[in-house]
Amino acid sequence: MQMTDFEFQIDNFMMYCTSKNLSPKTMKSYEQTLKLFAKYLQDNFSIEDVERVTTGHIRQYVGYLQDRENIQY
């Protein structure tokens, strides 16, 4: 299976984090956060290429996260 551009960039960033000796817990958090963001972009905007991400997409994602926080269970 071929990697998407997002997966490649996340993998590249995680290698950078390893070279900076970040804690495993921090790295796991970064990776999970980036993968959730990538999934959101793919599901909602069909974006798999990092170059297509705009500040508007990021704002939409932040709003989505804030809306999720405000949901009462």
N, C-alpha and C. Protein backbone atom coordinates (compact mmCIF):
# COMPACT_ATOMS: atom_id res chain seq x y z
N MET A 1 0.84 -1.19 0.00
CA MET A 1 0.00 0.00 0.00
C MET A 1 0.88 1.25 0.00
N GLN A 2 0.52 2.20 -0.84
CA GLN A 2 1.30 3.42 -0.99
C GLN A 2 0.90 4.44 0.07
N MET A 3 1.91 5.14 0.61
CA MET A 3 1.66 6.19 1.60
C MET A 3 1.07 7.43 0.92
N THR A 4 0.15 8.09 1.63
CA THR A 4 -0.30 9.39 1.15
C THR A 4 0.79 10.41 1.50
N ASP A 5 0.69 11.59 0.92
CA ASP A 5 1.64 12.66 1.23
C ASP A 5 1.58 12.98 2.72
N PHE A 6 0.36 13.00 3.27
CA PHE A 6 0.21 13.29 4.69
C PHE A 6 0.92 12.25 5.55
N GLU A 7 0.73 10.99 5.23
CA GLU A 7 1.38 9.93 6.00
C GLU A 7 2.90 10.06 5.91
N PHE A 8 3.39 10.37 4.73
CA PHE A 8 4.83 10.56 4.55
C PHE A 8 5.34 11.71 5.41
N GLN A 9 4.61 12.83 5.39
CA GLN A 9 5.05 14.00 6.16
C GLN A 9 4.97 13.75 7.67
N ILE A 10 3.95 13.03 8.11
CA ILE A 10 3.86 12.68 9.52
C ILE A 10 5.03 11.79 9.91
N ASP A 11 5.31 10.79 9.08
CA ASP A 11 6.43 9.89 9.35
C ASP A 11 7.75 10.67 9.41
N ASN A 12 7.92 11.58 8.48
CA ASN A 12 9.12 12.42 8.45
C ASN A 12 9.23 13.26 9.73
N PHE A 13 8.12 13.85 10.16
CA PHE A 13 8.12 14.66 11.38
C PHE A 13 8.44 13.79 12.61
N MET A 14 7.91 12.57 12.63
CA MET A 14 8.17 11.69 13.77
C MET A 14 9.65 11.29 13.83
N MET A 15 10.28 11.12 12.68
CA MET A 15 11.72 10.85 12.67
C MET A 15 12.50 12.05 13.21
N TYR A 16 12.05 13.24 12.85
CA TYR A 16 12.67 14.45 13.38
C TYR A 16 12.52 14.49 14.91
N CYS A 17 11.33 14.17 15.42
CA CYS A 17 11.09 14.15 16.86
C CYS A 17 12.00 13.13 17.55
N THR A 18 12.20 11.98 16.92
CA THR A 18 13.10 10.97 17.46
C THR A 18 14.52 11.53 17.55
N SER A 19 14.93 12.25 16.54
CA SER A 19 16.29 12.83 16.54
C SER A 19 16.45 13.88 17.63
N LYS A 20 15.35 14.49 18.07
CA LYS A 20 15.38 15.49 19.13
C LYS A 20 15.20 14.87 20.51
N ASN A 21 15.12 13.54 20.54
CA ASN A 21 14.98 12.79 21.80
C ASN A 21 13.76 13.20 22.62
N LEU A 22 12.65 13.43 21.93
CA LEU A 22 11.41 13.71 22.66
C LEU A 22 10.95 12.46 23.38
N SER A 23 10.21 12.64 24.44
CA SER A 23 9.76 11.48 25.20
C SER A 23 8.77 10.66 24.37
N PRO A 24 8.72 9.36 24.61
CA PRO A 24 7.77 8.52 23.89
C PRO A 24 6.32 8.99 24.05
N LYS A 25 5.98 9.48 25.22
CA LYS A 25 4.61 9.96 25.47
C LYS A 25 4.31 11.19 24.60
N THR A 26 5.25 12.11 24.51
CA THR A 26 5.08 13.30 23.67
C THR A 26 4.96 12.90 22.21
N MET A 27 5.81 12.00 21.78
CA MET A 27 5.78 11.56 20.38
C MET A 27 4.47 10.87 20.04
N LYS A 28 3.98 10.04 20.94
CA LYS A 28 2.70 9.36 20.71
C LYS A 28 1.57 10.38 20.58
N SER A 29 1.60 11.39 21.44
CA SER A 29 0.59 12.45 21.39
C SER A 29 0.66 13.22 20.07
N TYR A 30 1.86 13.60 19.65
CA TYR A 30 2.03 14.31 18.38
C TYR A 30 1.51 13.48 17.22
N GLU A 31 1.90 12.23 17.19
CA GLU A 31 1.51 11.36 16.08
C GLU A 31 0.00 11.18 16.03
N GLN A 32 -0.60 10.94 17.17
CA GLN A 32 -2.06 10.75 17.22
C GLN A 32 -2.78 12.01 16.77
N THR A 33 -2.33 13.16 17.24
CA THR A 33 -2.95 14.43 16.87
C THR A 33 -2.85 14.68 15.37
N LEU A 34 -1.68 14.45 14.80
CA LEU A 34 -1.50 14.66 13.37
C LEU A 34 -2.32 13.69 12.53
N LYS A 35 -2.42 12.45 12.97
CA LYS A 35 -3.21 11.46 12.23
C LYS A 35 -4.70 11.80 12.28
N LEU A 36 -5.17 12.28 13.42
CA LEU A 36 -6.58 12.69 13.52
C LEU A 36 -6.85 13.89 12.62
N PHE A 37 -5.92 14.83 12.56
CA PHE A 37 -6.06 15.99 11.68
C PHE A 37 -6.08 15.55 10.22
N ALA A 38 -5.18 14.65 9.86
CA ALA A 38 -5.14 14.14 8.48
C ALA A 38 -6.44 13.44 8.12
N LYS A 39 -6.98 12.65 9.05
CA LYS A 39 -8.25 11.94 8.79
C LYS A 39 -9.39 12.94 8.61
N TYR A 40 -9.43 13.96 9.45
CA TYR A 40 -10.45 15.00 9.32
C TYR A 40 -10.38 15.65 7.94
N LEU A 41 -9.18 16.01 7.51
CA LEU A 41 -9.03 16.65 6.20
C LEU A 41 -9.44 15.72 5.06
N GLN A 42 -9.09 14.46 5.18
CA GLN A 42 -9.45 13.51 4.14
C GLN A 42 -10.96 13.29 4.11
N ASP A 43 -11.56 13.11 5.26
CA ASP A 43 -13.00 12.83 5.33
C ASP A 43 -13.86 14.03 4.93
N ASN A 44 -13.43 15.23 5.31
CA ASN A 44 -14.27 16.41 5.10
C ASN A 44 -13.92 17.22 3.85
N PHE A 45 -12.69 17.13 3.38
CA PHE A 45 -12.26 17.95 2.25
C PHE A 45 -11.54 17.15 1.16
N SER A 46 -11.45 15.84 1.33
CA SER A 46 -10.75 14.97 0.37
C SER A 46 -9.31 15.43 0.13
N ILE A 47 -8.66 15.88 1.18
CA ILE A 47 -7.28 16.36 1.09
C ILE A 47 -6.33 15.28 1.59
N GLU A 48 -5.40 14.90 0.73
CA GLU A 48 -4.35 13.96 1.10
C GLU A 48 -2.96 14.54 0.85
N ASP A 49 -2.92 15.74 0.31
CA ASP A 49 -1.67 16.41 -0.02
C ASP A 49 -1.49 17.60 0.91
N VAL A 50 -0.41 17.61 1.66
CA VAL A 50 -0.13 18.67 2.64
C VAL A 50 -0.17 20.05 1.99
N GLU A 51 0.28 20.15 0.77
CA GLU A 51 0.33 21.45 0.07
C GLU A 51 -1.05 22.06 -0.14
N ARG A 52 -2.11 21.27 -0.07
CA ARG A 52 -3.47 21.78 -0.28
C ARG A 52 -4.11 22.33 0.98
N VAL A 53 -3.48 22.15 2.13
CA VAL A 53 -4.05 22.61 3.39
C VAL A 53 -3.90 24.13 3.49
N THR A 54 -5.00 24.79 3.86
CA THR A 54 -4.98 26.24 4.02
C THR A 54 -5.26 26.61 5.48
N THR A 55 -5.06 27.87 5.79
CA THR A 55 -5.39 28.32 7.15
C THR A 55 -6.87 28.14 7.42
N GLY A 56 -7.70 28.24 6.39
CA GLY A 56 -9.13 28.02 6.56
C GLY A 56 -9.43 26.60 7.02
N HIS A 57 -8.73 25.62 6.47
CA HIS A 57 -8.92 24.23 6.90
C HIS A 57 -8.55 24.08 8.37
N ILE A 58 -7.46 24.72 8.76
CA ILE A 58 -7.01 24.62 10.15
C ILE A 58 -8.03 25.27 11.07
N ARG A 59 -8.56 26.43 10.69
CA ARG A 59 -9.60 27.08 11.50
C ARG A 59 -10.84 26.20 11.62
N GLN A 60 -11.23 25.58 10.52
CA GLN A 60 -12.38 24.68 10.54
C GLN A 60 -12.15 23.53 11.51
N TYR A 61 -10.94 22.99 11.51
CA TYR A 61 -10.61 21.87 12.40
C TYR A 61 -10.63 22.31 13.86
N VAL A 62 -10.10 23.47 14.15
CA VAL A 62 -10.13 23.98 15.53
C VAL A 62 -11.58 24.16 15.97
N GLY A 63 -12.42 24.71 15.11
CA GLY A 63 -13.84 24.85 15.42
C GLY A 63 -14.50 23.50 15.66
N TYR A 64 -14.16 22.53 14.84
CA TYR A 64 -14.69 21.17 15.00
C TYR A 64 -14.29 20.60 16.36
N LEU A 65 -13.04 20.79 16.76
CA LEU A 65 -12.59 20.30 18.07
C LEU A 65 -13.31 21.02 19.20
N GLN A 66 -13.50 22.32 19.06
CA GLN A 66 -14.19 23.07 20.09
C GLN A 66 -15.65 22.64 20.20
N ASP A 67 -16.29 22.39 19.08
CA ASP A 67 -17.66 21.89 19.10
C ASP A 67 -17.76 20.54 19.79
N ARG A 68 -16.79 19.68 19.52
CA ARG A 68 -16.77 18.36 20.16
C ARG A 68 -16.62 18.47 21.67
N GLU A 69 -15.81 19.44 22.12
CA GLU A 69 -15.62 19.66 23.55
C GLU A 69 -16.89 20.09 24.25
N ASN A 70 -17.72 20.84 23.53
CA ASN A 70 -18.93 21.39 24.11
C ASN A 70 -20.12 20.45 24.11
N ILE A 71 -19.96 19.28 23.51
CA ILE A 71 -21.04 18.29 23.50
C ILE A 71 -21.20 17.71 24.89
N GLN A 72 -22.43 17.71 25.39
CA GLN A 72 -22.71 17.16 26.71
C GLN A 72 -23.04 15.67 26.58
N TYR A 73 -22.39 14.84 27.36
CA TYR A 73 -22.66 13.40 27.32
C TYR A 73 -23.59 13.01 28.42
